[in-house]
PDB file of N, CA and C in Angstrom:
ATOM      1  N   UNK A   1      67.997 -80.188 -70.714  1.00  0.00           N
ATOM      2  CA  UNK A   1      68.892 -79.268 -70.632  1.00  0.00           C
ATOM      3  C   UNK A   1      69.764 -78.934 -71.840  1.00  0.00           C
ATOM      4  N   UNK A   2      69.977 -79.887 -72.680  1.00  0.00           N
ATOM      5  CA  UNK A   2      70.995 -79.384 -73.746  1.00  0.00           C
ATOM      6  C   UNK A   2      70.101 -78.856 -74.805  1.00  0.00           C
ATOM      7  N   UNK A   3      68.821 -78.706 -74.871  1.00  0.00           N
ATOM      8  CA  UNK A   3      68.189 -78.100 -75.946  1.00  0.00           C
ATOM      9  C   UNK A   3      68.401 -76.430 -75.770  1.00  0.00           C
ATOM     10  N   UNK A   4      68.857 -76.262 -74.501  1.00  0.00           N
ATOM     11  CA  UNK A   4      69.268 -74.653 -74.549  1.00  0.00           C
ATOM     12  C   UNK A   4      70.710 -74.341 -74.676  1.00  0.00           C
ATOM     13  N   UNK A   5      71.429 -75.452 -74.913  1.00  0.00           N
ATOM     14  CA  UNK A   5      72.917 -75.215 -75.275  1.00  0.00           C
ATOM     15  C   UNK A   5      72.953 -74.665 -76.625  1.00  0.00           C
ATOM     16  N   UNK A   6      73.573 -73.421 -76.832  1.00  0.00           N
ATOM     17  CA  UNK A   6      73.550 -72.807 -78.118  1.00  0.00           C
ATOM     18  C   UNK A   6      74.773 -72.005 -78.079  1.00  0.00           C
ATOM     19  N   UNK A   7      75.487 -72.244 -79.211  1.00  0.00           N
ATOM     20  CA  UNK A   7      76.907 -71.461 -79.399  1.00  0.00           C
ATOM     21  C   UNK A   7      76.614 -70.047 -79.538  1.00  0.00           C
ATOM     22  N   UNK A   8      77.351 -69.376 -78.933  1.00  0.00           N
ATOM     23  CA  UNK A   8      77.446 -67.894 -79.125  1.00  0.00           C
ATOM     24  C   UNK A   8      76.708 -67.039 -77.858  1.00  0.00           C
ATOM     25  N   UNK A   9      76.233 -67.876 -76.804  1.00  0.00           N
ATOM     26  CA  UNK A   9      75.514 -67.038 -75.763  1.00  0.00           C
ATOM     27  C   UNK A   9      76.612 -66.396 -74.983  1.00  0.00           C
ATOM     28  N   UNK A  10      76.330 -65.330 -74.542  1.00  0.00           N
ATOM     29  CA  UNK A  10      77.287 -64.798 -73.524  1.00  0.00           C
ATOM     30  C   UNK A  10      77.285 -65.425 -72.310  1.00  0.00           C
ATOM     31  N   UNK A  11      78.218 -64.990 -71.526  1.00  0.00           N
ATOM     32  CA  UNK A  11      78.031 -65.394 -69.856  1.00  0.00           C
ATOM     33  C   UNK A  11      76.967 -65.060 -69.208  1.00  0.00           C
ATOM     34  N   UNK A  12      76.440 -64.017 -69.439  1.00  0.00           N
ATOM     35  CA  UNK A  12      75.065 -63.516 -68.854  1.00  0.00           C
ATOM     36  C   UNK A  12      73.964 -64.528 -69.246  1.00  0.00           C
ATOM     37  N   UNK A  13      73.741 -64.618 -70.539  1.00  0.00           N
ATOM     38  CA  UNK A  13      72.845 -65.552 -71.323  1.00  0.00           C
ATOM     39  C   UNK A  13      72.958 -66.783 -70.640  1.00  0.00           C
ATOM     40  N   UNK A  14      74.354 -67.289 -70.645  1.00  0.00           N
ATOM     41  CA  UNK A  14      74.399 -68.842 -69.853  1.00  0.00           C
ATOM     42  C   UNK A  14      73.942 -68.744 -68.598  1.00  0.00           C
ATOM     43  N   UNK A  15      74.113 -67.916 -67.803  1.00  0.00           N
ATOM     44  CA  UNK A  15      73.624 -67.865 -66.413  1.00  0.00           C
ATOM     45  C   UNK A  15      72.367 -67.864 -66.319  1.00  0.00           C
ATOM     46  N   UNK A  16      71.583 -66.975 -67.253  1.00  0.00           N
ATOM     47  CA  UNK A  16      70.100 -67.058 -67.233  1.00  0.00           C
ATOM     48  C   UNK A  16      69.399 -68.385 -67.657  1.00  0.00           C
ATOM     49  N   UNK A  17      70.167 -69.238 -68.495  1.00  0.00           N
ATOM     50  CA  UNK A  17      69.528 -70.566 -68.868  1.00  0.00           C
ATOM     51  C   UNK A  17      69.928 -71.512 -67.990  1.00  0.00           C
ATOM     52  N   UNK A  18      71.119 -71.548 -67.428  1.00  0.00           N
ATOM     53  CA  UNK A  18      71.593 -72.735 -66.495  1.00  0.00           C
ATOM     54  C   UNK A  18      71.856 -72.278 -64.975  1.00  0.00           C
ATOM     55  N   UNK A  19      71.948 -70.972 -64.855  1.00  0.00           N
ATOM     56  CA  UNK A  19      72.086 -70.501 -63.426  1.00  0.00           C
ATOM     57  C   UNK A  19      73.636 -70.393 -63.135  1.00  0.00           C
ATOM     58  N   UNK A  20      74.061 -70.194 -61.797  1.00  0.00           N
ATOM     59  CA  UNK A  20      75.388 -69.921 -61.642  1.00  0.00           C
ATOM     60  C   UNK A  20      76.202 -71.277 -61.489  1.00  0.00           C
ATOM     61  N   UNK A  21      77.467 -71.337 -62.198  1.00  0.00           N
ATOM     62  CA  UNK A  21      78.326 -72.472 -62.277  1.00  0.00           C
ATOM     63  C   UNK A  21      78.677 -72.853 -60.797  1.00  0.00           C
ATOM     64  N   UNK A  22      78.722 -74.243 -60.750  1.00  0.00           N
ATOM     65  CA  UNK A  22      79.511 -74.913 -59.382  1.00  0.00           C
ATOM     66  C   UNK A  22      80.732 -74.412 -59.280  1.00  0.00           C
ATOM     67  N   UNK A  23      81.439 -74.449 -60.529  1.00  0.00           N
ATOM     68  CA  UNK A  23      82.864 -74.106 -60.476  1.00  0.00           C
ATOM     69  C   UNK A  23      83.100 -73.254 -61.828  1.00  0.00           C
ATOM     70  N   UNK A  24      84.137 -72.350 -62.029  1.00  0.00           N
ATOM     71  CA  UNK A  24      84.683 -71.600 -63.115  1.00  0.00           C
ATOM     72  C   UNK A  24      85.967 -71.198 -62.839  1.00  0.00           C
ATOM     73  N   UNK A  25      86.732 -71.368 -64.213  1.00  0.00           N
ATOM     74  CA  UNK A  25      88.105 -70.736 -63.926  1.00  0.00           C
ATOM     75  C   UNK A  25      88.526 -71.056 -65.347  1.00  0.00           C
ATOM     76  N   UNK A  26      89.830 -70.554 -65.665  1.00  0.00           N
ATOM     77  CA  UNK A  26      90.730 -70.622 -66.876  1.00  0.00           C
ATOM     78  C   UNK A  26      91.469 -71.955 -66.980  1.00  0.00           C
ATOM     79  N   UNK A  27      91.023 -72.903 -67.857  1.00  0.00           N
ATOM     80  CA  UNK A  27      91.798 -74.164 -67.854  1.00  0.00           C
ATOM     81  C   UNK A  27      92.269 -74.465 -69.339  1.00  0.00           C
ATOM     82  N   UNK A  28      93.650 -74.555 -69.574  1.00  0.00           N
ATOM     83  CA  UNK A  28      94.381 -74.553 -70.676  1.00  0.00           C
ATOM     84  C   UNK A  28      94.008 -73.304 -71.493  1.00  0.00           C
ATOM     85  N   UNK A  29      93.911 -72.259 -70.870  1.00  0.00           N
ATOM     86  CA  UNK A  29      93.945 -70.942 -71.623  1.00  0.00           C
ATOM     87  C   UNK A  29      92.325 -70.717 -71.998  1.00  0.00           C
ATOM     88  N   UNK A  30      91.364 -71.501 -71.561  1.00  0.00           N
ATOM     89  CA  UNK A  30      89.797 -71.585 -71.988  1.00  0.00           C
ATOM     90  C   UNK A  30      89.217 -71.324 -70.705  1.00  0.00           C
ATOM     91  N   UNK A  31      88.376 -70.315 -70.738  1.00  0.00           N
ATOM     92  CA  UNK A  31      87.413 -70.122 -69.695  1.00  0.00           C
ATOM     93  C   UNK A  31      86.407 -71.280 -69.738  1.00  0.00           C
ATOM     94  N   UNK A  32      86.297 -72.012 -68.573  1.00  0.00           N
ATOM     95  CA  UNK A  32      85.726 -73.214 -68.447  1.00  0.00           C
ATOM     96  C   UNK A  32      84.571 -73.135 -67.131  1.00  0.00           C
ATOM     97  N   UNK A  33      83.253 -73.453 -67.354  1.00  0.00           N
ATOM     98  CA  UNK A  33      82.352 -73.418 -66.125  1.00  0.00           C
ATOM     99  C   UNK A  33      81.779 -74.871 -66.276  1.00  0.00           C
ATOM    100  N   UNK A  34      81.606 -75.166 -64.940  1.00  0.00           N
ATOM    101  CA  UNK A  34      81.228 -76.398 -64.527  1.00  0.00           C
ATOM    102  C   UNK A  34      79.757 -76.521 -63.746  1.00  0.00           C
ATOM    103  N   UNK A  35      78.723 -77.190 -64.441  1.00  0.00           N
ATOM    104  CA  UNK A  35      77.481 -77.333 -63.752  1.00  0.00           C
ATOM    105  C   UNK A  35      77.202 -78.890 -63.216  1.00  0.00           C
ATOM    106  N   UNK A  36      76.740 -79.036 -62.183  1.00  0.00           N
ATOM    107  CA  UNK A  36      76.394 -80.372 -61.704  1.00  0.00           C
ATOM    108  C   UNK A  36      75.357 -80.348 -60.526  1.00  0.00           C
ATOM    109  N   UNK A  37      75.175 -81.378 -60.174  1.00  0.00           N
ATOM    110  CA  UNK A  37      73.952 -81.511 -59.094  1.00  0.00           C
ATOM    111  C   UNK A  37      74.439 -82.327 -57.948  1.00  0.00           C
ATOM    112  N   UNK A  38      75.403 -82.177 -57.019  1.00  0.00           N
ATOM    113  CA  UNK A  38      75.869 -82.879 -55.897  1.00  0.00           C
ATOM    114  C   UNK A  38      74.795 -82.867 -54.955  1.00  0.00           C
ATOM    115  N   UNK A  39      74.505 -83.939 -54.131  1.00  0.00           N
ATOM    116  CA  UNK A  39      73.767 -83.781 -52.849  1.00  0.00           C
ATOM    117  C   UNK A  39      74.588 -83.258 -51.874  1.00  0.00           C
ATOM    118  N   UNK A  40      73.944 -82.712 -50.924  1.00  0.00           N
ATOM    119  CA  UNK A  40      74.803 -82.071 -49.917  1.00  0.00           C
ATOM    120  C   UNK A  40      75.674 -82.843 -49.065  1.00  0.00           C
ATOM    121  N   UNK A  41      75.182 -84.084 -48.910  1.00  0.00           N
ATOM    122  CA  UNK A  41      75.862 -85.037 -47.905  1.00  0.00           C
ATOM    123  C   UNK A  41      76.843 -86.010 -48.599  1.00  0.00           C
ATOM    124  N   UNK A  42      77.441 -85.572 -49.649  1.00  0.00           N
ATOM    125  CA  UNK A  42      78.255 -86.281 -50.395  1.00  0.00           C
ATOM    126  C   UNK A  42      79.696 -85.745 -50.245  1.00  0.00           C
ATOM    127  N   UNK A  43      80.907 -86.605 -50.632  1.00  0.00           N
ATOM    128  CA  UNK A  43      82.130 -86.106 -50.719  1.00  0.00           C
ATOM    129  C   UNK A  43      82.691 -85.836 -52.116  1.00  0.00           C
ATOM    130  N   UNK A  44      81.608 -85.469 -52.953  1.00  0.00           N
ATOM    131  CA  UNK A  44      81.867 -85.286 -54.216  1.00  0.00           C
ATOM    132  C   UNK A  44      82.932 -84.141 -54.548  1.00  0.00           C
ATOM    133  N   UNK A  45      83.849 -84.397 -55.411  1.00  0.00           N
ATOM    134  CA  UNK A  45      84.685 -83.371 -55.490  1.00  0.00           C
ATOM    135  C   UNK A  45      84.681 -83.015 -57.116  1.00  0.00           C
ATOM    136  N   UNK A  46      84.144 -81.809 -57.262  1.00  0.00           N
ATOM    137  CA  UNK A  46      84.074 -81.590 -58.776  1.00  0.00           C
ATOM    138  C   UNK A  46      85.669 -80.795 -59.219  1.00  0.00           C
ATOM    139  N   UNK A  47      85.720 -81.017 -60.457  1.00  0.00           N
ATOM    140  CA  UNK A  47      86.989 -80.385 -61.156  1.00  0.00           C
ATOM    141  C   UNK A  47      86.839 -79.888 -62.367  1.00  0.00           C
ATOM    142  N   UNK A  48      87.474 -78.872 -62.685  1.00  0.00           N
ATOM    143  CA  UNK A  48      87.348 -78.484 -64.248  1.00  0.00           C
ATOM    144  C   UNK A  48      88.266 -79.140 -65.118  1.00  0.00           C
ATOM    145  N   UNK A  49      89.389 -79.968 -64.516  1.00  0.00           N
ATOM    146  CA  UNK A  49      90.198 -80.609 -65.481  1.00  0.00           C
ATOM    147  C   UNK A  49      90.092 -82.069 -65.838  1.00  0.00           C
ATOM    148  N   UNK A  50      89.135 -82.688 -64.990  1.00  0.00           N
ATOM    149  CA  UNK A  50      88.776 -84.067 -65.212  1.00  0.00           C
ATOM    150  C   UNK A  50      87.233 -84.272 -64.941  1.00  0.00           C
ATOM    151  N   UNK A  51      86.611 -85.064 -65.866  1.00  0.00           N
ATOM    152  CA  UNK A  51      85.289 -85.586 -65.575  1.00  0.00           C
ATOM    153  C   UNK A  51      85.322 -86.570 -64.400  1.00  0.00           C
ATOM    154  N   UNK A  52      84.313 -86.467 -63.670  1.00  0.00           N
ATOM    155  CA  UNK A  52      84.311 -87.509 -62.394  1.00  0.00           C
ATOM    156  C   UNK A  52      83.439 -88.651 -62.722  1.00  0.00           C
ATOM    157  N   UNK A  53      83.737 -89.518 -63.557  1.00  0.00           N
ATOM    158  CA  UNK A  53      83.165 -90.501 -64.124  1.00  0.00           C
ATOM    159  C   UNK A  53      82.592 -91.393 -62.963  1.00  0.00           C
ATOM    160  N   UNK A  54      83.182 -91.642 -62.093  1.00  0.00           N
ATOM    161  CA  UNK A  54      82.610 -92.673 -60.931  1.00  0.00           C
ATOM    162  C   UNK A  54      81.711 -92.005 -60.064  1.00  0.00           C
ATOM    163  N   UNK A  55      81.754 -90.625 -59.915  1.00  0.00           N
ATOM    164  CA  UNK A  55      80.431 -89.948 -59.247  1.00  0.00           C
ATOM    165  C   UNK A  55      79.171 -90.016 -59.967  1.00  0.00           C
ATOM    166  N   UNK A  56      79.464 -89.932 -61.331  1.00  0.00           N
ATOM    167  CA  UNK A  56      78.222 -90.145 -62.238  1.00  0.00           C
ATOM    168  C   UNK A  56      77.621 -91.693 -62.256  1.00  0.00           C
ATOM    169  N   UNK A  57      78.518 -92.594 -62.329  1.00  0.00           N
ATOM    170  CA  UNK A  57      78.289 -93.993 -62.479  1.00  0.00           C
ATOM    171  C   UNK A  57      77.730 -94.318 -61.103  1.00  0.00           C
ATOM    172  N   UNK A  58      78.171 -93.723 -60.007  1.00  0.00           N
ATOM    173  CA  UNK A  58      77.654 -94.087 -58.519  1.00  0.00           C
ATOM    174  C   UNK A  58      76.392 -93.351 -58.173  1.00  0.00           C
ATOM    175  N   UNK A  59      75.898 -92.411 -58.986  1.00  0.00           N
ATOM    176  CA  UNK A  59      74.889 -91.519 -58.961  1.00  0.00           C
ATOM    177  C   UNK A  59      74.873 -90.562 -57.999  1.00  0.00           C
ATOM    178  N   UNK A  60      76.183 -90.211 -57.472  1.00  0.00           N
ATOM    179  CA  UNK A  60      76.466 -89.200 -56.535  1.00  0.00           C
ATOM    180  C   UNK A  60      76.008 -87.919 -57.043  1.00  0.00           C
ATOM    181  N   UNK A  61      76.049 -87.845 -58.617  1.00  0.00           N
ATOM    182  CA  UNK A  61      75.488 -86.525 -59.293  1.00  0.00           C
ATOM    183  C   UNK A  61      74.972 -87.093 -60.317  1.00  0.00           C
ATOM    184  N   UNK A  62      73.855 -86.361 -61.085  1.00  0.00           N
ATOM    185  CA  UNK A  62      73.259 -86.802 -62.191  1.00  0.00           C
ATOM    186  C   UNK A  62      73.842 -86.581 -63.488  1.00  0.00           C
ATOM    187  N   UNK A  63      74.733 -85.531 -63.307  1.00  0.00           N
ATOM    188  CA  UNK A  63      75.564 -85.142 -64.494  1.00  0.00           C
ATOM    189  C   UNK A  63      76.686 -84.388 -64.249  1.00  0.00           C
ATOM    190  N   UNK A  64      77.509 -84.026 -65.302  1.00  0.00           N
ATOM    191  CA  UNK A  64      78.378 -82.797 -65.212  1.00  0.00           C
ATOM    192  C   UNK A  64      78.320 -82.092 -66.593  1.00  0.00           C
ATOM    193  N   UNK A  65      77.986 -80.885 -66.619  1.00  0.00           N
ATOM    194  CA  UNK A  65      78.059 -80.076 -67.723  1.00  0.00           C
ATOM    195  C   UNK A  65      79.208 -79.363 -67.904  1.00  0.00           C
ATOM    196  N   UNK A  66      80.053 -79.214 -68.643  1.00  0.00           N
ATOM    197  CA  UNK A  66      81.242 -78.312 -69.073  1.00  0.00           C
ATOM    198  C   UNK A  66      80.919 -77.408 -70.225  1.00  0.00           C
ATOM    199  N   UNK A  67      81.137 -75.960 -69.824  1.00  0.00           N
ATOM    200  CA  UNK A  67      80.684 -75.231 -71.095  1.00  0.00           C
ATOM    201  C   UNK A  67      82.058 -74.351 -71.089  1.00  0.00           C
ATOM    202  N   UNK A  68      82.605 -74.511 -72.486  1.00  0.00           N
ATOM    203  CA  UNK A  68      83.851 -73.661 -72.629  1.00  0.00           C
ATOM    204  C   UNK A  68      83.551 -72.464 -73.349  1.00  0.00           C
ATOM    205  N   UNK A  69      84.287 -71.193 -73.102  1.00  0.00           N
ATOM    206  CA  UNK A  69      83.896 -70.073 -73.691  1.00  0.00           C
ATOM    207  C   UNK A  69      85.397 -69.622 -74.535  1.00  0.00           C
ATOM    208  N   UNK A  70      84.896 -69.006 -75.738  1.00  0.00           N
ATOM    209  CA  UNK A  70      85.912 -68.295 -76.650  1.00  0.00           C
ATOM    210  C   UNK A  70      85.435 -66.929 -76.972  1.00  0.00           C
ATOM    211  N   UNK A  71      86.367 -65.730 -76.515  1.00  0.00           N
ATOM    212  CA  UNK A  71      85.934 -64.454 -76.808  1.00  0.00           C
ATOM    213  C   UNK A  71      84.677 -64.140 -75.970  1.00  0.00           C
ATOM    214  N   UNK A  72      84.592 -64.738 -74.759  1.00  0.00           N
ATOM    215  CA  UNK A  72      83.466 -64.348 -73.702  1.00  0.00           C
ATOM    216  C   UNK A  72      82.097 -65.172 -74.345  1.00  0.00           C
ATOM    217  N   UNK A  73      81.968 -65.872 -75.202  1.00  0.00           N
ATOM    218  CA  UNK A  73      81.081 -66.402 -75.946  1.00  0.00           C
ATOM    219  C   UNK A  73      81.010 -68.073 -75.739  1.00  0.00           C
ATOM    220  N   UNK A  74      79.883 -68.829 -75.243  1.00  0.00           N
ATOM    221  CA  UNK A  74      79.873 -70.148 -75.133  1.00  0.00           C
ATOM    222  C   UNK A  74      80.092 -70.853 -76.593  1.00  0.00           C
ATOM    223  N   UNK A  75      81.113 -71.663 -76.733  1.00  0.00           N
ATOM    224  CA  UNK A  75      81.378 -72.555 -77.899  1.00  0.00           C
ATOM    225  C   UNK A  75      81.355 -73.916 -78.032  1.00  0.00           C
ATOM    226  N   UNK A  76      81.603 -74.534 -76.707  1.00  0.00           N
ATOM    227  CA  UNK A  76      81.510 -76.012 -76.620  1.00  0.00           C
ATOM    228  C   UNK A  76      80.668 -76.367 -75.370  1.00  0.00           C
ATOM    229  N   UNK A  77      79.744 -77.212 -75.452  1.00  0.00           N
ATOM    230  CA  UNK A  77      79.025 -77.740 -74.203  1.00  0.00           C
ATOM    231  C   UNK A  77      79.385 -79.250 -74.276  1.00  0.00           C
ATOM    232  N   UNK A  78      79.837 -79.827 -73.072  1.00  0.00           N
ATOM    233  CA  UNK A  78      79.907 -81.107 -72.944  1.00  0.00           C
ATOM    234  C   UNK A  78      79.230 -81.735 -71.645  1.00  0.00           C
ATOM    235  N   UNK A  79      78.103 -82.735 -71.962  1.00  0.00           N
ATOM    236  CA  UNK A  79      77.382 -82.880 -70.999  1.00  0.00           C
ATOM    237  C   UNK A  79      77.470 -84.425 -70.902  1.00  0.00           C
ATOM    238  N   UNK A  80      78.015 -84.813 -69.543  1.00  0.00           N
ATOM    239  CA  UNK A  80      78.369 -86.208 -69.227  1.00  0.00           C
ATOM    240  C   UNK A  80      77.137 -86.771 -68.353  1.00  0.00           C
ATOM    241  N   UNK A  81      76.690 -88.041 -68.587  1.00  0.00           N
ATOM    242  CA  UNK A  81      75.687 -88.554 -67.832  1.00  0.00           C
ATOM    243  C   UNK A  81      75.584 -89.906 -68.000  1.00  0.00           C
ATOM    244  N   UNK A  82      74.716 -90.513 -67.116  1.00  0.00           N
ATOM    245  CA  UNK A  82      74.805 -92.195 -66.975  1.00  0.00           C
ATOM    246  C   UNK A  82      73.624 -92.576 -67.960  1.00  0.00           C
ATOM    247  N   UNK A  83      74.089 -93.619 -68.481  1.00  0.00           N
ATOM    248  CA  UNK A  83      73.011 -94.364 -69.511  1.00  0.00           C
ATOM    249  C   UNK A  83      73.428 -95.928 -69.386  1.00  0.00           C
ATOM    250  N   UNK A  84      72.367 -96.592 -68.637  1.00  0.00           N
ATOM    251  CA  UNK A  84      72.853 -98.013 -68.254  1.00  0.00           C
ATOM    252  C   UNK A  84      73.917 -98.038 -67.315  1.00  0.00           C
ATOM    253  N   UNK A  85      74.774 -98.722 -67.700  1.00  0.00           N
ATOM    254  CA  UNK A  85      76.068 -98.887 -66.786  1.00  0.00           C
ATOM    255  C   UNK A  85      77.305 -98.173 -67.364  1.00  0.00           C
ATOM    256  N   UNK A  86      76.851 -97.257 -68.203  1.00  0.00           N
ATOM    257  CA  UNK A  86      78.009 -96.287 -68.739  1.00  0.00           C
ATOM    258  C   UNK A  86      77.710 -94.872 -68.669  1.00  0.00           C
ATOM    259  N   UNK A  87      78.873 -94.053 -68.845  1.00  0.00           N
ATOM    260  CA  UNK A  87      78.798 -92.722 -68.969  1.00  0.00           C
ATOM    261  C   UNK A  87      78.858 -92.357 -70.293  1.00  0.00           C
ATOM    262  N   UNK A  88      78.098 -91.335 -70.866  1.00  0.00           N
ATOM    263  CA  UNK A  88      77.966 -90.954 -72.245  1.00  0.00           C
ATOM    264  C   UNK A  88      78.220 -89.185 -72.025  1.00  0.00           C
ATOM    265  N   UNK A  89      78.770 -88.920 -73.221  1.00  0.00           N
ATOM    266  CA  UNK A  89      78.898 -87.504 -73.425  1.00  0.00           C
ATOM    267  C   UNK A  89      78.213 -87.077 -74.504  1.00  0.00           C
ATOM    268  N   UNK A  90      77.475 -86.171 -74.340  1.00  0.00           N
ATOM    269  CA  UNK A  90      76.700 -85.510 -75.420  1.00  0.00           C
ATOM    270  C   UNK A  90      77.267 -83.959 -75.638  1.00  0.00           C
ATOM    271  N   UNK A  91      77.947 -83.821 -76.724  1.00  0.00           N
ATOM    272  CA  UNK A  91      78.599 -82.635 -76.958  1.00  0.00           C
ATOM    273  C   UNK A  91      77.952 -81.645 -77.929  1.00  0.00           C
ATOM    274  N   UNK A  92      77.780 -80.369 -77.728  1.00  0.00           N
ATOM    275  CA  UNK A  92      77.199 -79.333 -78.737  1.00  0.00           C
ATOM    276  C   UNK A  92      78.570 -78.711 -79.324  1.00  0.00           C
ATOM    277  N   UNK A  93      78.669 -78.884 -80.549  1.00  0.00           N
ATOM    278  CA  UNK A  93      79.974 -78.258 -80.999  1.00  0.00           C
ATOM    279  C   UNK A  93      79.738 -76.936 -81.683  1.00  0.00           C
ATOM    280  N   UNK A  94      80.838 -76.209 -81.927  1.00  0.00           N
ATOM    281  CA  UNK A  94      80.662 -75.110 -82.613  1.00  0.00           C
ATOM    282  C   UNK A  94      80.549 -75.170 -84.396  1.00  0.00           C
ATOM    283  N   UNK A  95      80.302 -73.885 -84.703  1.00  0.00           N
ATOM    284  CA  UNK A  95      80.286 -73.830 -86.263  1.00  0.00           C
ATOM    285  C   UNK A  95      79.107 -74.665 -86.924  1.00  0.00           C
ATOM    286  N   UNK A  96      78.063 -74.903 -86.273  1.00  0.00           N
ATOM    287  CA  UNK A  96      77.088 -75.626 -86.739  1.00  0.00           C
ATOM    288  C   UNK A  96      77.012 -77.147 -86.915  1.00  0.00           C
ATOM    289  N   UNK A  97      78.286 -77.608 -86.440  1.00  0.00           N
ATOM    290  CA  UNK A  97      78.511 -79.214 -86.512  1.00  0.00           C
ATOM    291  C   UNK A  97      77.233 -79.902 -85.745  1.00  0.00           C
ATOM    292  N   UNK A  98      76.957 -81.031 -86.112  1.00  0.00           N
ATOM    293  CA  UNK A  98      76.038 -82.007 -85.576  1.00  0.00           C
ATOM    294  C   UNK A  98      76.463 -82.318 -84.252  1.00  0.00           C
ATOM    295  N   UNK A  99      75.651 -82.275 -83.116  1.00  0.00           N
ATOM    296  CA  UNK A  99      75.943 -82.730 -81.725  1.00  0.00           C
ATOM    297  C   UNK A  99      76.478 -84.109 -81.943  1.00  0.00           C
ATOM    298  N   UNK A 100      77.368 -84.702 -80.854  1.00  0.00           N
ATOM    299  CA  UNK A 100      77.652 -85.871 -80.805  1.00  0.00           C
ATOM    300  C   UNK A 100      77.191 -86.691 -79.553  1.00  0.00           C
ATOM    301  N   UNK A 101      77.023 -87.773 -79.329  1.00  0.00           N
ATOM    302  CA  UNK A 101      76.488 -88.506 -78.071  1.00  0.00           C
ATOM    303  C   UNK A 101      77.357 -89.709 -78.293  1.00  0.00           C
ATOM    304  N   UNK A 102      78.494 -89.856 -77.428  1.00  0.00           N
ATOM    305  CA  UNK A 102      79.268 -91.074 -77.493  1.00  0.00           C
ATOM    306  C   UNK A 102      79.364 -91.565 -76.156  1.00  0.00           C
ATOM    307  N   UNK A 103      79.569 -93.025 -75.925  1.00  0.00           N
ATOM    308  CA  UNK A 103      80.071 -93.731 -74.680  1.00  0.00           C
ATOM    309  C   UNK A 103      81.527 -93.216 -74.331  1.00  0.00           C
ATOM    310  N   UNK A 104      81.658 -92.800 -72.996  1.00  0.00           N
ATOM    311  CA  UNK A 104      83.086 -92.497 -72.708  1.00  0.00           C
ATOM    312  C   UNK A 104      83.606 -93.305 -71.627  1.00  0.00           C
ATOM    313  N   UNK A 105      82.833 -94.245 -71.266  1.00  0.00           N
ATOM    314  CA  UNK A 105      83.357 -95.254 -70.239  1.00  0.00           C
ATOM    315  C   UNK A 105      83.402 -96.651 -70.933  1.00  0.00           C
ATOM    316  N   UNK A 106      84.413 -97.544 -70.602  1.00  0.00           N
ATOM    317  CA  UNK A 106      84.647 -98.887 -71.215  1.00  0.00           C
ATOM    318  C   UNK A 106      85.050 -99.544 -70.110  1.00  0.00           C
ATOM    319  N   UNK A 107      84.293-100.803 -69.597  1.00  0.00           N
ATOM    320  CA  UNK A 107      84.779-101.776 -68.743  1.00  0.00           C
ATOM    321  C   UNK A 107      84.967-103.238 -69.467  1.00  0.00           C
ATOM    322  N   UNK A 108      86.055-103.692 -68.895  1.00  0.00           N
ATOM    323  CA  UNK A 108      86.218-105.415 -69.456  1.00  0.00           C
ATOM    324  C   UNK A 108      85.505-106.165 -68.964  1.00  0.00           C
TER     325      UNK A 108
END
């Protein structure tokens, strides 16, 4: 999925690659789209303002992909997924920066 995440894609091009978003709206002055794969029989509550780490850990969804747009072009992709017992974030950043892949959940 993330091999198709490219900075500068138009909204139309993003839809051609990823399909229709589950949610889309303006968050903190930034157009944000959310893609996810909830099962029909779950009480999964998607949000553009917070990643649902628990739904990912419980495998209610396989992932959450947030795409942020600037000037009607995709510029940041944040892909949250389960790896082992943790949630990780793979992020494609603007301006040719190297993608990052970091653990975002920590348990004591």
